[in-house]
Amino acid sequence: MNPSAVRTNDSPLGTVLVDGSGRTLYLFTADGKNTNSMDCDAACLKLWPPMEGKPKAGGGVDAGLIGTTDDAGRAQVTYAGHPLYY
């Protein structure tokens, strides 16, 4: 499985986003859509590392909702415009 893929997976909480390795992905709705408004300092990033790279849509995900935003010169993966974190 491609680790840069974003796909869906069933969980006890319902359908969630995961990467190609099955690790759960999170988004914070307070992060503005398609902006660099992420308000996460170094301590925050240790707890919530960003998903980086060139994403691909996997099973259950609309490819039109997958993108990237610039995070200090690195491509951070987004879903529906919101940055994704582990």
PDB file of N, CA and C in Angstrom:
ATOM      1  N   MET A   1       0.850  -1.186   0.000  1.00  0.00           N
ATOM      2  CA  MET A   1       0.000   0.000   0.000  1.00  0.00           C
ATOM      3  C   MET A   1       0.885   1.235   0.000  1.00  0.00           C
ATOM      4  N   ASN A   2       0.504   2.235  -0.729  1.00  0.00           N
ATOM      5  CA  ASN A   2       1.261   3.477  -0.839  1.00  0.00           C
ATOM      6  C   ASN A   2       1.047   4.324   0.422  1.00  0.00           C
ATOM      7  N   PRO A   3       2.127   4.590   1.215  1.00  0.00           N
ATOM      8  CA  PRO A   3       1.934   5.363   2.444  1.00  0.00           C
ATOM      9  C   PRO A   3       1.469   6.789   2.199  1.00  0.00           C
ATOM     10  N   SER A   4       1.668   7.326   0.986  1.00  0.00           N
ATOM     11  CA  SER A   4       1.227   8.692   0.713  1.00  0.00           C
ATOM     12  C   SER A   4      -0.230   8.749   0.270  1.00  0.00           C
ATOM     13  N   ALA A   5      -0.874   7.601   0.199  1.00  0.00           N
ATOM     14  CA  ALA A   5      -2.290   7.573  -0.163  1.00  0.00           C
ATOM     15  C   ALA A   5      -3.139   8.014   1.027  1.00  0.00           C
ATOM     16  N   VAL A   6      -4.235   8.684   0.728  1.00  0.00           N
ATOM     17  CA  VAL A   6      -5.236   9.017   1.737  1.00  0.00           C
ATOM     18  C   VAL A   6      -6.467   8.218   1.359  1.00  0.00           C
ATOM     19  N   ARG A   7      -6.951   7.406   2.289  1.00  0.00           N
ATOM     20  CA  ARG A   7      -8.103   6.557   2.023  1.00  0.00           C
ATOM     21  C   ARG A   7      -8.989   6.533   3.261  1.00  0.00           C
ATOM     22  N   THR A   8     -10.112   5.846   3.155  1.00  0.00           N
ATOM     23  CA  THR A   8     -10.992   5.713   4.314  1.00  0.00           C
ATOM     24  C   THR A   8     -10.861   4.315   4.894  1.00  0.00           C
ATOM     25  N   ASN A   9     -11.236   4.215   6.159  1.00  0.00           N
ATOM     26  CA  ASN A   9     -11.225   2.937   6.857  1.00  0.00           C
ATOM     27  C   ASN A   9     -12.346   2.963   7.890  1.00  0.00           C
ATOM     28  N   ASP A  10     -12.939   1.829   8.135  1.00  0.00           N
ATOM     29  CA  ASP A  10     -13.972   1.728   9.164  1.00  0.00           C
ATOM     30  C   ASP A  10     -13.315   1.629  10.533  1.00  0.00           C
ATOM     31  N   SER A  11     -13.905   2.307  11.510  1.00  0.00           N
ATOM     32  CA  SER A  11     -13.430   2.260  12.892  1.00  0.00           C
ATOM     33  C   SER A  11     -14.646   2.195  13.808  1.00  0.00           C
ATOM     34  N   PRO A  12     -14.438   1.941  15.102  1.00  0.00           N
ATOM     35  CA  PRO A  12     -15.563   1.954  16.042  1.00  0.00           C
ATOM     36  C   PRO A  12     -16.279   3.309  16.090  1.00  0.00           C
ATOM     37  N   LEU A  13     -15.605   4.380  15.646  1.00  0.00           N
ATOM     38  CA  LEU A  13     -16.200   5.715  15.642  1.00  0.00           C
ATOM     39  C   LEU A  13     -16.856   6.057  14.316  1.00  0.00           C
ATOM     40  N   GLY A  14     -16.773   5.148  13.352  1.00  0.00           N
ATOM     41  CA  GLY A  14     -17.314   5.404  12.017  1.00  0.00           C
ATOM     42  C   GLY A  14     -16.195   5.391  10.997  1.00  0.00           C
ATOM     43  N   THR A  15     -16.455   5.964   9.842  1.00  0.00           N
ATOM     44  CA  THR A  15     -15.471   6.010   8.781  1.00  0.00           C
ATOM     45  C   THR A  15     -14.473   7.133   9.061  1.00  0.00           C
ATOM     46  N   VAL A  16     -13.175   6.805   8.986  1.00  0.00           N
ATOM     47  CA  VAL A  16     -12.116   7.778   9.252  1.00  0.00           C
ATOM     48  C   VAL A  16     -11.126   7.803   8.097  1.00  0.00           C
ATOM     49  N   LEU A  17     -10.334   8.872   8.029  1.00  0.00           N
ATOM     50  CA  LEU A  17      -9.251   8.962   7.049  1.00  0.00           C
ATOM     51  C   LEU A  17      -8.015   8.280   7.613  1.00  0.00           C
ATOM     52  N   VAL A  18      -7.319   7.549   6.746  1.00  0.00           N
ATOM     53  CA  VAL A  18      -6.054   6.914   7.116  1.00  0.00           C
ATOM     54  C   VAL A  18      -5.072   7.090   5.962  1.00  0.00           C
ATOM     55  N   ASP A  19      -3.781   6.914   6.269  1.00  0.00           N
ATOM     56  CA  ASP A  19      -2.799   6.924   5.189  1.00  0.00           C
ATOM     57  C   ASP A  19      -2.717   5.513   4.606  1.00  0.00           C
ATOM     58  N   GLY A  20      -1.864   5.339   3.623  1.00  0.00           N
ATOM     59  CA  GLY A  20      -1.754   4.050   2.950  1.00  0.00           C
ATOM     60  C   GLY A  20      -1.274   2.928   3.838  1.00  0.00           C
ATOM     61  N   SER A  21      -0.654   3.278   4.986  1.00  0.00           N
ATOM     62  CA  SER A  21      -0.202   2.273   5.944  1.00  0.00           C
ATOM     63  C   SER A  21      -1.256   1.988   7.006  1.00  0.00           C
ATOM     64  N   GLY A  22      -2.391   2.684   6.913  1.00  0.00           N
ATOM     65  CA  GLY A  22      -3.479   2.459   7.877  1.00  0.00           C
ATOM     66  C   GLY A  22      -3.421   3.341   9.106  1.00  0.00           C
ATOM     67  N   ARG A  23      -2.480   4.290   9.165  1.00  0.00           N
ATOM     68  CA  ARG A  23      -2.400   5.183  10.325  1.00  0.00           C
ATOM     69  C   ARG A  23      -3.477   6.259  10.213  1.00  0.00           C
ATOM     70  N   THR A  24      -4.175   6.523  11.309  1.00  0.00           N
ATOM     71  CA  THR A  24      -5.272   7.487  11.334  1.00  0.00           C
ATOM     72  C   THR A  24      -4.759   8.902  11.083  1.00  0.00           C
ATOM     73  N   LEU A  25      -5.525   9.642  10.282  1.00  0.00           N
ATOM     74  CA  LEU A  25      -5.227  11.040   9.981  1.00  0.00           C
ATOM     75  C   LEU A  25      -6.283  11.923  10.621  1.00  0.00           C
ATOM     76  N   TYR A  26      -5.860  13.094  11.068  1.00  0.00           N
ATOM     77  CA  TYR A  26      -6.750  14.041  11.737  1.00  0.00           C
ATOM     78  C   TYR A  26      -6.684  15.387  11.035  1.00  0.00           C
ATOM     79  N   LEU A  27      -7.769  16.140  11.125  1.00  0.00           N
ATOM     80  CA  LEU A  27      -7.751  17.529  10.680  1.00  0.00           C
ATOM     81  C   LEU A  27      -8.368  18.370  11.783  1.00  0.00           C
ATOM     82  N   PHE A  28      -7.965  19.624  11.820  1.00  0.00           N
ATOM     83  CA  PHE A  28      -8.435  20.571  12.826  1.00  0.00           C
ATOM     84  C   PHE A  28      -9.221  21.630  12.082  1.00  0.00           C
ATOM     85  N   THR A  29     -10.528  21.665  12.284  1.00  0.00           N
ATOM     86  CA  THR A  29     -11.375  22.551  11.492  1.00  0.00           C
ATOM     87  C   THR A  29     -11.031  24.026  11.695  1.00  0.00           C
ATOM     88  N   ALA A  30     -10.344  24.387  12.792  1.00  0.00           N
ATOM     89  CA  ALA A  30      -9.941  25.780  12.996  1.00  0.00           C
ATOM     90  C   ALA A  30      -8.812  26.178  12.052  1.00  0.00           C
ATOM     91  N   ASP A  31      -8.099  25.190  11.484  1.00  0.00           N
ATOM     92  CA  ASP A  31      -7.110  25.503  10.449  1.00  0.00           C
ATOM     93  C   ASP A  31      -7.885  25.977   9.232  1.00  0.00           C
ATOM     94  N   GLY A  32      -7.585  27.166   8.763  1.00  0.00           N
ATOM     95  CA  GLY A  32      -8.296  27.710   7.611  1.00  0.00           C
ATOM     96  C   GLY A  32      -8.094  26.864   6.368  1.00  0.00           C
ATOM     97  N   LYS A  33      -9.095  26.845   5.515  1.00  0.00           N
ATOM     98  CA  LYS A  33      -9.006  26.085   4.270  1.00  0.00           C
ATOM     99  C   LYS A  33      -7.968  26.696   3.339  1.00  0.00           C
ATOM    100  N   ASN A  34      -7.101  25.824   2.817  1.00  0.00           N
ATOM    101  CA  ASN A  34      -6.105  26.198   1.812  1.00  0.00           C
ATOM    102  C   ASN A  34      -5.298  27.429   2.194  1.00  0.00           C
ATOM    103  N   THR A  35      -4.940  27.530   3.465  1.00  0.00           N
ATOM    104  CA  THR A  35      -4.098  28.629   3.930  1.00  0.00           C
ATOM    105  C   THR A  35      -2.974  28.053   4.764  1.00  0.00           C
ATOM    106  N   ASN A  36      -2.072  28.893   5.150  1.00  0.00           N
ATOM    107  CA  ASN A  36      -1.005  28.496   6.068  1.00  0.00           C
ATOM    108  C   ASN A  36      -1.351  28.977   7.472  1.00  0.00           C
ATOM    109  N   SER A  37      -2.582  28.760   7.891  1.00  0.00           N
ATOM    110  CA  SER A  37      -3.044  29.263   9.177  1.00  0.00           C
ATOM    111  C   SER A  37      -2.818  28.281  10.317  1.00  0.00           C
ATOM    112  N   MET A  38      -2.076  27.208  10.064  1.00  0.00           N
ATOM    113  CA  MET A  38      -1.839  26.234  11.105  1.00  0.00           C
ATOM    114  C   MET A  38      -1.156  26.919  12.287  1.00  0.00           C
ATOM    115  N   ASP A  39      -1.752  26.824  13.445  1.00  0.00           N
ATOM    116  CA  ASP A  39      -1.214  27.457  14.646  1.00  0.00           C
ATOM    117  C   ASP A  39      -0.656  26.361  15.538  1.00  0.00           C
ATOM    118  N   CYS A  40       0.482  25.791  15.128  1.00  0.00           N
ATOM    119  CA  CYS A  40       1.041  24.647  15.833  1.00  0.00           C
ATOM    120  C   CYS A  40       2.539  24.886  16.004  1.00  0.00           C
ATOM    121  N   ASP A  41       2.991  25.072  17.267  1.00  0.00           N
ATOM    122  CA  ASP A  41       4.407  25.308  17.534  1.00  0.00           C
ATOM    123  C   ASP A  41       5.154  23.973  17.595  1.00  0.00           C
ATOM    124  N   ALA A  42       6.429  24.006  17.952  1.00  0.00           N
ATOM    125  CA  ALA A  42       7.264  22.794  17.949  1.00  0.00           C
ATOM    126  C   ALA A  42       6.704  21.714  18.874  1.00  0.00           C
ATOM    127  N   ALA A  43       6.218  22.102  20.050  1.00  0.00           N
ATOM    128  CA  ALA A  43       5.657  21.113  20.981  1.00  0.00           C
ATOM    129  C   ALA A  43       4.405  20.478  20.392  1.00  0.00           C
ATOM    130  N   CYS A  44       3.583  21.292  19.752  1.00  0.00           N
ATOM    131  CA  CYS A  44       2.369  20.797  19.107  1.00  0.00           C
ATOM    132  C   CYS A  44       2.724  19.816  17.990  1.00  0.00           C
ATOM    133  N   LEU A  45       3.739  20.182  17.168  1.00  0.00           N
ATOM    134  CA  LEU A  45       4.114  19.329  16.048  1.00  0.00           C
ATOM    135  C   LEU A  45       4.682  17.982  16.491  1.00  0.00           C
ATOM    136  N   LYS A  46       5.244  17.922  17.714  1.00  0.00           N
ATOM    137  CA  LYS A  46       5.701  16.627  18.236  1.00  0.00           C
ATOM    138  C   LYS A  46       4.504  15.719  18.503  1.00  0.00           C
ATOM    139  N   LEU A  47       3.413  16.309  18.967  1.00  0.00           N
ATOM    140  CA  LEU A  47       2.206  15.535  19.267  1.00  0.00           C
ATOM    141  C   LEU A  47       1.379  15.259  18.016  1.00  0.00           C
ATOM    142  N   TRP A  48       1.366  16.210  17.090  1.00  0.00           N
ATOM    143  CA  TRP A  48       0.534  16.144  15.889  1.00  0.00           C
ATOM    144  C   TRP A  48       1.390  16.384  14.645  1.00  0.00           C
ATOM    145  N   PRO A  49       2.266  15.432  14.278  1.00  0.00           N
ATOM    146  CA  PRO A  49       3.093  15.657  13.093  1.00  0.00           C
ATOM    147  C   PRO A  49       2.247  15.733  11.818  1.00  0.00           C
ATOM    148  N   PRO A  50       2.599  16.641  10.910  1.00  0.00           N
ATOM    149  CA  PRO A  50       1.836  16.774   9.676  1.00  0.00           C
ATOM    150  C   PRO A  50       2.099  15.619   8.723  1.00  0.00           C
ATOM    151  N   MET A  51       1.095  15.279   7.927  1.00  0.00           N
ATOM    152  CA  MET A  51       1.301  14.341   6.829  1.00  0.00           C
ATOM    153  C   MET A  51       1.892  15.162   5.687  1.00  0.00           C
ATOM    154  N   GLU A  52       3.069  14.759   5.212  1.00  0.00           N
ATOM    155  CA  GLU A  52       3.757  15.507   4.173  1.00  0.00           C
ATOM    156  C   GLU A  52       3.911  14.669   2.915  1.00  0.00           C
ATOM    157  N   GLY A  53       4.169  15.330   1.809  1.00  0.00           N
ATOM    158  CA  GLY A  53       4.462  14.646   0.562  1.00  0.00           C
ATOM    159  C   GLY A  53       3.441  14.915  -0.516  1.00  0.00           C
ATOM    160  N   LYS A  54       3.535  14.120  -1.576  1.00  0.00           N
ATOM    161  CA  LYS A  54       2.601  14.205  -2.698  1.00  0.00           C
ATOM    162  C   LYS A  54       1.525  13.151  -2.487  1.00  0.00           C
ATOM    163  N   PRO A  55       0.323  13.569  -2.142  1.00  0.00           N
ATOM    164  CA  PRO A  55      -0.731  12.611  -1.821  1.00  0.00           C
ATOM    165  C   PRO A  55      -1.404  12.031  -3.054  1.00  0.00           C
ATOM    166  N   LYS A  56      -1.958  10.857  -2.854  1.00  0.00           N
ATOM    167  CA  LYS A  56      -2.788  10.209  -3.869  1.00  0.00           C
ATOM    168  C   LYS A  56      -4.082   9.790  -3.185  1.00  0.00           C
ATOM    169  N   ALA A  57      -5.170   9.845  -3.906  1.00  0.00           N
ATOM    170  CA  ALA A  57      -6.457   9.418  -3.352  1.00  0.00           C
ATOM    171  C   ALA A  57      -6.534   7.903  -3.386  1.00  0.00           C
ATOM    172  N   GLY A  58      -6.857   7.313  -2.261  1.00  0.00           N
ATOM    173  CA  GLY A  58      -7.067   5.884  -2.162  1.00  0.00           C
ATOM    174  C   GLY A  58      -8.547   5.582  -2.097  1.00  0.00           C
ATOM    175  N   GLY A  59      -8.871   4.356  -1.744  1.00  0.00           N
ATOM    176  CA  GLY A  59     -10.247   3.908  -1.688  1.00  0.00           C
ATOM    177  C   GLY A  59     -11.115   4.736  -0.763  1.00  0.00           C
ATOM    178  N   GLY A  60     -12.285   5.119  -1.255  1.00  0.00           N
ATOM    179  CA  GLY A  60     -13.261   5.832  -0.460  1.00  0.00           C
ATOM    180  C   GLY A  60     -13.073   7.331  -0.407  1.00  0.00           C
ATOM    181  N   VAL A  61     -12.034   7.865  -1.085  1.00  0.00           N
ATOM    182  CA  VAL A  61     -11.734   9.291  -1.022  1.00  0.00           C
ATOM    183  C   VAL A  61     -11.883   9.907  -2.409  1.00  0.00           C
ATOM    184  N   ASP A  62     -12.542  11.050  -2.476  1.00  0.00           N
ATOM    185  CA  ASP A  62     -12.691  11.810  -3.714  1.00  0.00           C
ATOM    186  C   ASP A  62     -11.361  12.499  -4.003  1.00  0.00           C
ATOM    187  N   ALA A  63     -10.721  12.178  -5.118  1.00  0.00           N
ATOM    188  CA  ALA A  63      -9.424  12.754  -5.472  1.00  0.00           C
ATOM    189  C   ALA A  63      -9.465  14.275  -5.510  1.00  0.00           C
ATOM    190  N   GLY A  64     -10.625  14.862  -5.803  1.00  0.00           N
ATOM    191  CA  GLY A  64     -10.768  16.309  -5.845  1.00  0.00           C
ATOM    192  C   GLY A  64     -10.658  16.979  -4.489  1.00  0.00           C
ATOM    193  N   LEU A  65     -10.740  16.195  -3.412  1.00  0.00           N
ATOM    194  CA  LEU A  65     -10.643  16.751  -2.064  1.00  0.00           C
ATOM    195  C   LEU A  65      -9.234  16.664  -1.492  1.00  0.00           C
ATOM    196  N   ILE A  66      -8.319  15.998  -2.197  1.00  0.00           N
ATOM    197  CA  ILE A  66      -6.948  15.814  -1.734  1.00  0.00           C
ATOM    198  C   ILE A  66      -6.064  16.887  -2.359  1.00  0.00           C
ATOM    199  N   GLY A  67      -5.211  17.507  -1.549  1.00  0.00           N
ATOM    200  CA  GLY A  67      -4.305  18.526  -2.050  1.00  0.00           C
ATOM    201  C   GLY A  67      -3.146  18.719  -1.107  1.00  0.00           C
ATOM    202  N   THR A  68      -2.442  19.833  -1.266  1.00  0.00           N
ATOM    203  CA  THR A  68      -1.334  20.172  -0.373  1.00  0.00           C
ATOM    204  C   THR A  68      -1.351  21.670  -0.094  1.00  0.00           C
ATOM    205  N   THR A  69      -0.688  22.044   0.977  1.00  0.00           N
ATOM    206  CA  THR A  69      -0.437  23.432   1.311  1.00  0.00           C
ATOM    207  C   THR A  69       1.015  23.529   1.738  1.00  0.00           C
ATOM    208  N   ASP A  70       1.602  24.691   1.614  1.00  0.00           N
ATOM    209  CA  ASP A  70       3.008  24.882   1.965  1.00  0.00           C
ATOM    210  C   ASP A  70       3.141  25.067   3.460  1.00  0.00           C
ATOM    211  N   ASP A  71       3.938  24.190   4.102  1.00  0.00           N
ATOM    212  CA  ASP A  71       4.198  24.267   5.534  1.00  0.00           C
ATOM    213  C   ASP A  71       5.703  24.444   5.705  1.00  0.00           C
ATOM    214  N   ALA A  72       6.155  25.685   5.770  1.00  0.00           N
ATOM    215  CA  ALA A  72       7.580  25.998   5.938  1.00  0.00           C
ATOM    216  C   ALA A  72       8.431  25.328   4.859  1.00  0.00           C
ATOM    217  N   GLY A  73       7.959  25.398   3.626  1.00  0.00           N
ATOM    218  CA  GLY A  73       8.716  24.852   2.512  1.00  0.00           C
ATOM    219  C   GLY A  73       8.471  23.384   2.230  1.00  0.00           C
ATOM    220  N   ARG A  74       7.617  22.745   3.016  1.00  0.00           N
ATOM    221  CA  ARG A  74       7.285  21.335   2.804  1.00  0.00           C
ATOM    222  C   ARG A  74       5.817  21.236   2.416  1.00  0.00           C
ATOM    223  N   ALA A  75       5.501  20.284   1.572  1.00  0.00           N
ATOM    224  CA  ALA A  75       4.114  20.082   1.151  1.00  0.00           C
ATOM    225  C   ALA A  75       3.373  19.293   2.223  1.00  0.00           C
ATOM    226  N   GLN A  76       2.396  19.928   2.870  1.00  0.00           N
ATOM    227  CA  GLN A  76       1.553  19.237   3.846  1.00  0.00           C
ATOM    228  C   GLN A  76       0.266  18.835   3.149  1.00  0.00           C
ATOM    229  N   VAL A  77      -0.130  17.595   3.337  1.00  0.00           N
ATOM    230  CA  VAL A  77      -1.321  17.054   2.694  1.00  0.00           C
ATOM    231  C   VAL A  77      -2.566  17.683   3.309  1.00  0.00           C
ATOM    232  N   THR A  78      -3.551  17.976   2.450  1.00  0.00           N
ATOM    233  CA  THR A  78      -4.826  18.525   2.902  1.00  0.00           C
ATOM    234  C   THR A  78      -5.980  17.652   2.424  1.00  0.00           C
ATOM    235  N   TYR A  79      -7.089  17.721   3.160  1.00  0.00           N
ATOM    236  CA  TYR A  79      -8.332  17.064   2.775  1.00  0.00           C
ATOM    237  C   TYR A  79      -9.413  18.130   2.855  1.00  0.00           C
ATOM    238  N   ALA A  80     -10.093  18.370   1.754  1.00  0.00           N
ATOM    239  CA  ALA A  80     -11.110  19.424   1.673  1.00  0.00           C
ATOM    240  C   ALA A  80     -10.526  20.756   2.137  1.00  0.00           C
ATOM    241  N   GLY A  81      -9.233  20.965   1.852  1.00  0.00           N
ATOM    242  CA  GLY A  81      -8.567  22.205   2.198  1.00  0.00           C
ATOM    243  C   GLY A  81      -7.975  22.258   3.584  1.00  0.00           C
ATOM    244  N   HIS A  82      -8.260  21.288   4.444  1.00  0.00           N
ATOM    245  CA  HIS A  82      -7.749  21.299   5.816  1.00  0.00           C
ATOM    246  C   HIS A  82      -6.493  20.452   5.908  1.00  0.00           C
ATOM    247  N   PRO A  83      -5.396  20.965   6.492  1.00  0.00           N
ATOM    248  CA  PRO A  83      -4.179  20.204   6.664  1.00  0.00           C
ATOM    249  C   PRO A  83      -4.420  18.930   7.483  1.00  0.00           C
ATOM    250  N   LEU A  84      -3.713  17.863   7.114  1.00  0.00           N
ATOM    251  CA  LEU A  84      -3.844  16.588   7.814  1.00  0.00           C
ATOM    252  C   LEU A  84      -2.654  16.335   8.725  1.00  0.00           C
ATOM    253  N   TYR A  85      -2.937  15.750   9.889  1.00  0.00           N
ATOM    254  CA  TYR A  85      -1.949  15.448  10.920  1.00  0.00           C
ATOM    255  C   TYR A  85      -2.096  13.991  11.348  1.00  0.00           C
ATOM    256  N   TYR A  86      -0.993  13.453  11.927  1.00  0.00           N
ATOM    257  CA  TYR A  86      -1.030  12.111  12.542  1.00  0.00           C
ATOM    258  C   TYR A  86      -1.324  12.237  14.011  1.00  0.00           C
TER     259      TYR A  86
END
